[in-house]
């Protein structure tokens, strides 16, 4: 369950990035990270810590509360 929920978080972050019409490269530039950083967490090759998730939310202009609510809504469908 733990891994499944983490994968779900990454799926939601991908959806949020795409909703903002950002490529991986564009988001990486906003985060001042290499594009491979985005690719690796989106593909589950790299885990994000809480601070990184919060920073991604900030750069996507999405509140952490909205991220959690979004996860909860979709998770319970």
C-alpha atoms as a PDB file:
ATOM      1  CA  UNK A   1       0.000   0.000   0.000  1.00  0.00           C
ATOM      2  CA  UNK A   2       2.795   2.431   0.898  1.00  0.00           C
ATOM      3  CA  UNK A   3       4.453   2.197  -2.532  1.00  0.00           C
ATOM      4  CA  UNK A   4       1.096   2.332  -4.302  1.00  0.00           C
ATOM      5  CA  UNK A   5       0.166   5.575  -2.531  1.00  0.00           C
ATOM      6  CA  UNK A   6       3.525   7.129  -3.391  1.00  0.00           C
ATOM      7  CA  UNK A   7       3.085   6.190  -7.059  1.00  0.00           C
ATOM      8  CA  UNK A   8      -0.321   7.817  -6.892  1.00  0.00           C
ATOM      9  CA  UNK A   9       1.261  11.046  -5.601  1.00  0.00           C
ATOM     10  CA  UNK A  10       3.585  11.073  -8.607  1.00  0.00           C
ATOM     11  CA  UNK A  11       0.660  10.522 -10.981  1.00  0.00           C
ATOM     12  CA  UNK A  12      -1.133  13.528  -9.480  1.00  0.00           C
ATOM     13  CA  UNK A  13       2.005  15.670  -9.808  1.00  0.00           C
ATOM     14  CA  UNK A  14       2.197  14.700 -13.496  1.00  0.00           C
ATOM     15  CA  UNK A  15      -1.463  15.667 -13.975  1.00  0.00           C
ATOM     16  CA  UNK A  16      -0.917  19.002 -12.245  1.00  0.00           C
ATOM     17  CA  UNK A  17       2.137  19.742 -14.399  1.00  0.00           C
ATOM     18  CA  UNK A  18       0.201  18.928 -17.549  1.00  0.00           C
ATOM     19  CA  UNK A  19      -2.792  21.008 -16.428  1.00  0.00           C
ATOM     20  CA  UNK A  20      -0.414  23.963 -16.205  1.00  0.00           C
ATOM     21  CA  UNK A  21       0.724  23.153 -19.761  1.00  0.00           C
ATOM     22  CA  UNK A  22       4.310  22.716 -18.660  1.00  0.00           C
ATOM     23  CA  UNK A  23       6.786  20.273 -20.109  1.00  0.00           C
ATOM     24  CA  UNK A  24       9.189  18.451 -17.837  1.00  0.00           C
ATOM     25  CA  UNK A  25      11.913  20.784 -19.069  1.00  0.00           C
ATOM     26  CA  UNK A  26       9.878  23.907 -18.281  1.00  0.00           C
ATOM     27  CA  UNK A  27       9.067  22.706 -14.766  1.00  0.00           C
ATOM     28  CA  UNK A  28      12.706  21.761 -14.236  1.00  0.00           C
ATOM     29  CA  UNK A  29      13.716  25.304 -15.181  1.00  0.00           C
ATOM     30  CA  UNK A  30      11.230  26.721 -12.655  1.00  0.00           C
ATOM     31  CA  UNK A  31      12.673  24.414 -10.000  1.00  0.00           C
ATOM     32  CA  UNK A  32      16.247  25.124 -11.085  1.00  0.00           C
ATOM     33  CA  UNK A  33      16.801  21.386 -11.472  1.00  0.00           C
ATOM     34  CA  UNK A  34      17.787  19.228 -14.427  1.00  0.00           C
ATOM     35  CA  UNK A  35      14.969  17.762 -16.519  1.00  0.00           C
ATOM     36  CA  UNK A  36      16.083  14.320 -15.317  1.00  0.00           C
ATOM     37  CA  UNK A  37      14.950  15.290 -11.787  1.00  0.00           C
ATOM     38  CA  UNK A  38      11.371  15.616 -13.050  1.00  0.00           C
ATOM     39  CA  UNK A  39      11.578  12.508 -15.194  1.00  0.00           C
ATOM     40  CA  UNK A  40      12.926  10.370 -12.369  1.00  0.00           C
ATOM     41  CA  UNK A  41      10.267  11.272  -9.823  1.00  0.00           C
ATOM     42  CA  UNK A  42       7.471  11.065 -12.410  1.00  0.00           C
ATOM     43  CA  UNK A  43       8.650   7.563 -13.373  1.00  0.00           C
ATOM     44  CA  UNK A  44       9.090   6.436  -9.777  1.00  0.00           C
ATOM     45  CA  UNK A  45      12.871   6.180 -10.029  1.00  0.00           C
ATOM     46  CA  UNK A  46      13.354   8.880  -7.404  1.00  0.00           C
ATOM     47  CA  UNK A  47      11.443   9.582  -4.225  1.00  0.00           C
ATOM     48  CA  UNK A  48      10.519  13.099  -3.185  1.00  0.00           C
ATOM     49  CA  UNK A  49      10.691  14.347   0.361  1.00  0.00           C
ATOM     50  CA  UNK A  50       8.058  16.643   1.826  1.00  0.00           C
ATOM     51  CA  UNK A  51      10.064  19.814   1.214  1.00  0.00           C
ATOM     52  CA  UNK A  52      10.468  18.918  -2.467  1.00  0.00           C
ATOM     53  CA  UNK A  53       6.736  18.249  -2.823  1.00  0.00           C
ATOM     54  CA  UNK A  54       5.949  21.600  -1.214  1.00  0.00           C
ATOM     55  CA  UNK A  55       8.400  23.382  -3.509  1.00  0.00           C
ATOM     56  CA  UNK A  56       6.915  21.714  -6.595  1.00  0.00           C
ATOM     57  CA  UNK A  57       3.446  22.791  -5.443  1.00  0.00           C
ATOM     58  CA  UNK A  58       4.692  26.353  -5.005  1.00  0.00           C
ATOM     59  CA  UNK A  59       6.174  26.450  -8.504  1.00  0.00           C
ATOM     60  CA  UNK A  60       2.991  24.929  -9.974  1.00  0.00           C
ATOM     61  CA  UNK A  61       0.943  27.496  -8.041  1.00  0.00           C
ATOM     62  CA  UNK A  62      -1.011  24.731  -6.327  1.00  0.00           C
ATOM     63  CA  UNK A  63      -1.561  24.738  -2.584  1.00  0.00           C
ATOM     64  CA  UNK A  64      -0.461  21.611  -0.707  1.00  0.00           C
ATOM     65  CA  UNK A  65      -4.021  21.386   0.600  1.00  0.00           C
ATOM     66  CA  UNK A  66      -5.333  21.272  -2.968  1.00  0.00           C
ATOM     67  CA  UNK A  67      -2.828  18.544  -3.823  1.00  0.00           C
ATOM     68  CA  UNK A  68      -3.958  16.440  -0.864  1.00  0.00           C
ATOM     69  CA  UNK A  69      -7.635  17.069  -1.590  1.00  0.00           C
ATOM     70  CA  UNK A  70      -7.096  16.119  -5.224  1.00  0.00           C
ATOM     71  CA  UNK A  71      -5.380  12.917  -4.195  1.00  0.00           C
ATOM     72  CA  UNK A  72      -8.170  12.116  -1.763  1.00  0.00           C
ATOM     73  CA  UNK A  73     -10.914  12.741  -4.346  1.00  0.00           C
ATOM     74  CA  UNK A  74      -9.330  10.584  -7.028  1.00  0.00           C
ATOM     75  CA  UNK A  75      -8.139   7.904  -4.595  1.00  0.00           C
ATOM     76  CA  UNK A  76     -11.706   7.398  -3.351  1.00  0.00           C
ATOM     77  CA  UNK A  77     -13.362   7.202  -6.797  1.00  0.00           C
END
